[in-house]
Each structure stands twice: as C-alpha cells, then as structure tokens.
Protein backbone atom coordinates (compact mmCIF):
# COMPACT_ATOMS: atom_id res chain seq x y z
CA UNK A 1 0.00 0.00 0.00
CA UNK A 2 1.32 3.40 -0.89
CA UNK A 3 1.81 6.15 1.64
CA UNK A 4 -0.93 8.25 -0.03
CA UNK A 5 -3.53 5.48 0.31
CA UNK A 6 -2.54 4.91 3.92
CA UNK A 7 -2.83 8.61 4.69
CA UNK A 8 -6.21 8.87 2.89
CA UNK A 9 -7.49 5.83 4.82
CA UNK A 10 -6.37 7.39 8.11
CA UNK A 11 -8.19 10.64 7.27
CA UNK A 12 -11.41 8.80 6.36
CA UNK A 13 -11.34 6.68 9.52
CA UNK A 14 -10.56 9.74 11.67
CA UNK A 15 -13.42 11.73 10.11
CA UNK A 16 -15.83 8.84 10.62
CA UNK A 17 -14.78 8.46 14.27
CA UNK A 18 -15.15 12.21 14.85
CA UNK A 19 -18.61 12.20 13.24
CA UNK A 20 -19.78 9.32 15.41
CA UNK A 21 -18.42 11.00 18.54
CA UNK A 22 -20.10 14.33 17.71
CA UNK A 23 -23.42 12.59 17.03
CA UNK A 24 -23.23 10.68 20.33
CA UNK A 25 -22.35 13.80 22.30
CA UNK A 26 -25.24 15.79 20.78
CA UNK A 27 -27.94 13.12 21.08
CA UNK A 28 -27.07 11.01 24.13
CA UNK A 29 -24.09 12.04 26.23
CA UNK A 30 -25.21 15.03 28.26
CA UNK A 31 -28.85 14.14 29.01
CA UNK A 32 -29.80 12.91 32.46
CA UNK A 33 -33.21 11.81 33.72
CA UNK A 34 -34.93 14.30 36.02
CA UNK A 35 -36.43 12.74 39.12
CA UNK A 36 -39.94 13.79 40.07
CA UNK A 37 -39.86 15.69 43.36
CA UNK A 38 -43.57 16.04 44.04
CA UNK A 39 -45.74 19.09 43.65
CA UNK A 40 -43.41 21.38 41.69
CA UNK A 41 -42.43 19.21 38.74
CA UNK A 42 -45.12 20.79 36.55
CA UNK A 43 -45.89 24.45 37.24
CA UNK A 44 -48.03 27.03 35.47
CA UNK A 45 -48.05 30.78 36.09
CA UNK A 46 -51.18 31.91 37.91
CA UNK A 47 -53.39 34.63 36.44
CA UNK A 48 -54.07 35.95 39.95
CA UNK A 49 -50.66 35.93 41.63
CA UNK A 50 -48.36 35.93 38.59
CA UNK A 51 -46.31 33.24 40.33
CA UNK A 52 -45.70 29.66 39.18
CA UNK A 53 -47.95 27.12 40.93
CA UNK A 54 -47.82 23.34 40.84
CA UNK A 55 -50.67 21.56 39.09
CA UNK A 56 -52.08 18.05 39.48
CA UNK A 57 -50.14 15.61 37.28
CA UNK A 58 -49.19 11.98 36.90
CA UNK A 59 -46.83 9.89 34.74
CA UNK A 60 -44.07 12.52 34.85
CA UNK A 61 -40.94 11.85 32.77
CA UNK A 62 -38.23 14.42 32.14
CA UNK A 63 -34.69 14.83 30.88
CA UNK A 64 -32.25 17.72 31.13
CA UNK A 65 -28.63 18.55 30.45
CA UNK A 66 -26.32 21.07 32.09
CA UNK A 67 -24.77 21.82 28.68
CA UNK A 68 -27.72 24.03 27.62
CA UNK A 69 -30.80 25.50 29.31
CA UNK A 70 -32.81 24.56 26.19
CA UNK A 71 -32.38 20.80 26.60
CA UNK A 72 -35.12 20.35 29.22
CA UNK A 73 -38.04 18.17 28.03
CA UNK A 74 -40.83 16.63 30.07
CA UNK A 75 -44.06 14.70 29.59
CA UNK A 76 -46.94 14.16 31.99
CA UNK A 77 -50.67 13.60 32.19
CA UNK A 78 -53.18 15.72 34.06
CA UNK A 79 -56.86 15.27 34.95
CA UNK A 80 -57.31 19.07 34.80
CA UNK A 81 -59.38 20.23 31.82
CA UNK A 82 -58.13 22.80 29.34
CA UNK A 83 -61.01 25.12 30.25
CA UNK A 84 -60.09 25.01 33.93
CA UNK A 85 -56.45 25.62 33.12
CA UNK A 86 -57.20 28.62 30.87
CA UNK A 87 -59.35 30.19 33.59
CA UNK A 88 -56.57 29.82 36.17
CA UNK A 89 -53.22 30.11 34.37
CA UNK A 90 -51.49 32.37 31.80
CA UNK A 91 -51.90 31.18 28.22
CA UNK A 92 -48.74 31.54 26.13
CA UNK A 93 -49.31 32.43 22.47
CA UNK A 94 -45.75 32.20 21.15
CA UNK A 95 -45.08 28.54 21.92
CA UNK A 96 -42.66 26.78 19.58
CA UNK A 97 -41.99 23.21 20.75
CA UNK A 98 -38.31 22.42 20.45
CA UNK A 99 -37.25 19.08 19.00
CA UNK A 100 -36.02 16.62 21.61
CA UNK A 101 -33.81 13.59 21.20
CA UNK A 102 -35.52 10.79 19.28
CA UNK A 103 -34.91 8.28 22.05
CA UNK A 104 -37.07 10.29 24.52
CA UNK A 105 -40.21 8.58 23.28
CA UNK A 106 -42.91 10.42 25.21
CA UNK A 107 -42.00 13.84 23.75
CA UNK A 108 -42.79 14.59 20.11
CA UNK A 109 -42.36 18.27 19.20
CA UNK A 110 -44.02 17.79 15.81
CA UNK A 111 -47.14 16.30 17.41
CA UNK A 112 -47.27 19.11 19.98
CA UNK A 113 -46.76 21.76 17.29
CA UNK A 114 -49.56 20.32 15.16
CA UNK A 115 -51.87 20.10 18.20
CA UNK A 116 -51.14 23.74 19.04
CA UNK A 117 -51.83 24.78 15.43
CA UNK A 118 -55.15 22.98 15.16
CA UNK A 119 -56.40 23.91 18.64
CA UNK A 120 -56.15 20.49 20.31
CA UNK A 121 -53.44 21.83 22.62
CA UNK A 122 -53.07 25.03 24.62
CA UNK A 123 -49.70 26.40 25.71
CA UNK A 124 -49.15 28.04 29.09
CA UNK A 125 -46.35 30.00 30.71
CA UNK A 126 -44.82 27.51 33.08
CA UNK A 127 -42.15 29.72 34.61
CA UNK A 128 -40.71 32.92 33.22
CA UNK A 129 -36.89 33.16 33.29
CA UNK A 130 -36.34 29.67 34.66
CA UNK A 131 -32.80 30.70 33.82
CA UNK A 132 -32.02 34.16 32.43
CA UNK A 133 -33.62 34.65 29.02
CA UNK A 134 -35.29 31.23 28.97
CA UNK A 135 -38.92 30.48 29.86
CA UNK A 136 -40.40 27.08 30.69
CA UNK A 137 -43.43 26.43 28.47
CA UNK A 138 -46.15 23.83 29.14
CA UNK A 139 -48.60 22.57 26.52
CA UNK A 140 -51.65 20.51 27.48
CA UNK A 141 -53.55 18.51 24.87
CA UNK A 142 -57.29 17.96 24.98
CA UNK A 143 -56.71 14.33 26.03
CA UNK A 144 -54.81 15.39 29.19
CA UNK A 145 -51.28 14.72 27.95
CA UNK A 146 -48.83 17.49 28.70
CA UNK A 147 -45.42 18.47 27.38
CA UNK A 148 -42.81 20.84 28.76
CA UNK A 149 -39.79 22.50 27.15
CA UNK A 150 -37.62 25.57 27.65
CA UNK A 151 -37.80 28.36 25.08
CA UNK A 152 -35.72 31.54 24.65
CA UNK A 153 -37.76 34.65 25.51
CA UNK A 154 -37.53 38.15 23.98
CA UNK A 155 -34.95 39.29 26.55
CA UNK A 156 -32.76 36.27 25.89
CA UNK A 157 -32.92 36.71 22.12
CA UNK A 158 -31.42 40.19 22.41
CA UNK A 159 -28.92 39.60 25.22
CA UNK A 160 -27.61 36.32 23.71
CA UNK A 161 -26.71 38.30 20.57
CA UNK A 162 -24.46 40.50 22.73
CA UNK A 163 -26.77 43.51 22.81
CA UNK A 164 -27.96 45.34 25.95
CA UNK A 165 -31.15 44.06 27.59
CA UNK A 166 -34.28 45.75 26.21
CA UNK A 167 -36.41 47.96 28.41
CA UNK A 168 -38.54 45.93 30.80
CA UNK A 169 -36.12 42.99 30.92
CA UNK A 170 -34.29 41.99 34.07
CA UNK A 171 -30.59 42.84 34.27
CA UNK A 172 -28.61 39.94 32.83
CA UNK A 173 -26.14 38.11 35.06
CA UNK A 174 -22.52 39.21 34.74
CA UNK A 175 -21.45 36.17 32.72
CA UNK A 176 -23.67 37.14 29.73
C-alpha cells in the first residue's frame, strides 16, 4: 500500500470516528433523567398571583442537560381540563416546541406543534426566566397529555446576541 492510500485511509477513519463522537455527544451524552420531586415538577403561572404554581399531574418523565438550558423536556398527564387551566393560568401564544432527542419517546415536538396549530393543545407560561432569558413552556392537549420545554424569551434573544437588555427585561447576570 502506498503512503498516499494509507494517509487517505487514516483521514477517512478519523473523520468517521469524529462524526460518530459528535453525534453521540449531541444526542445522548449530556442528558440525564430528572427525578420527580412532588408538587413542583409541573408548574403554570397563575393569572391571579403571577407566580408559578404546581398543578395536578401523573406519569411525569423528564430529561435535562447542564450543557444548555434549552435541553429540558418533560411529559406528563393531568386530569385538569383545558377550560379550567385557561381560567386559572397564563396562556402563552408564542409557543414553539423544540425538537427533543428521538430516544425520549414520550415527547414529540411535531405532534405538539400540530396540536397547538389545530387547537387540540393550549400552551401556558410555566415559569418565566427559569434561567435568564429562557422560559419554561407547558402545553396541554385535549386528552390530558402534557409536554414541557424551555424556550428563549424576547430578553434572551437580544442579550444572547451581545446587545444590551431591552427595556422591561431583568438585568442579565454578569457572565452574559
């Protein structure tokens, strides 16, 4: 075998190994299961107090990763009706379900997005600024299934681009 073929083979094998490693790190490596702690695993922001409040839920599953505040995903069921929820908690009109890892079977962003579009699901503000510039959004389908994800808010969009926080936004932490 010539030196050129050996070198080309080494480059191809190295690129393949790097691609596999990057894929694994993005899809599997950093996620950890989130243990249910009780009443505060699923919260919605109250219309009356403006504060997040725990709701009744069951079958809670969640994952998160310290590598990004946007990696949080959760699924649950609730016996609470959509009409009761809309009378009690803040509806969120700008919900955009973020895609989760394919192996987290209970969460399907495409299904949630379609349900939001056709009115079978309603999105609520879970908790504003769960971390600076990121809100926790909760969508509840008409069959009682619920989905949770973190979404960048208007303050985060501006500050993460390196610009000063817009009027009405909290002061960003020093490390931003």
